């Protein structure tokens, strides 16, 4: 039983797969966090300015009434 446990702990097959998976998870979380921060702080105010400009622009009445 002791030999089986030692062999299990010393077996390194699959470590590269798990390590690469963890790196991918870290990169995805960083990109998602940056995107969320950019959407809430950087772009939101610009879209709000554009929306205010569009809604405050007068539209002429072309129907003839």
Foldseek 3Di string as FASTA:
>chain_A
DVVVVVVVVPDCPPVVVVVVVVVVVVVVVVVVVVVVVCCVPPCVVVVVVVVVVVVPDDDDDPPPD
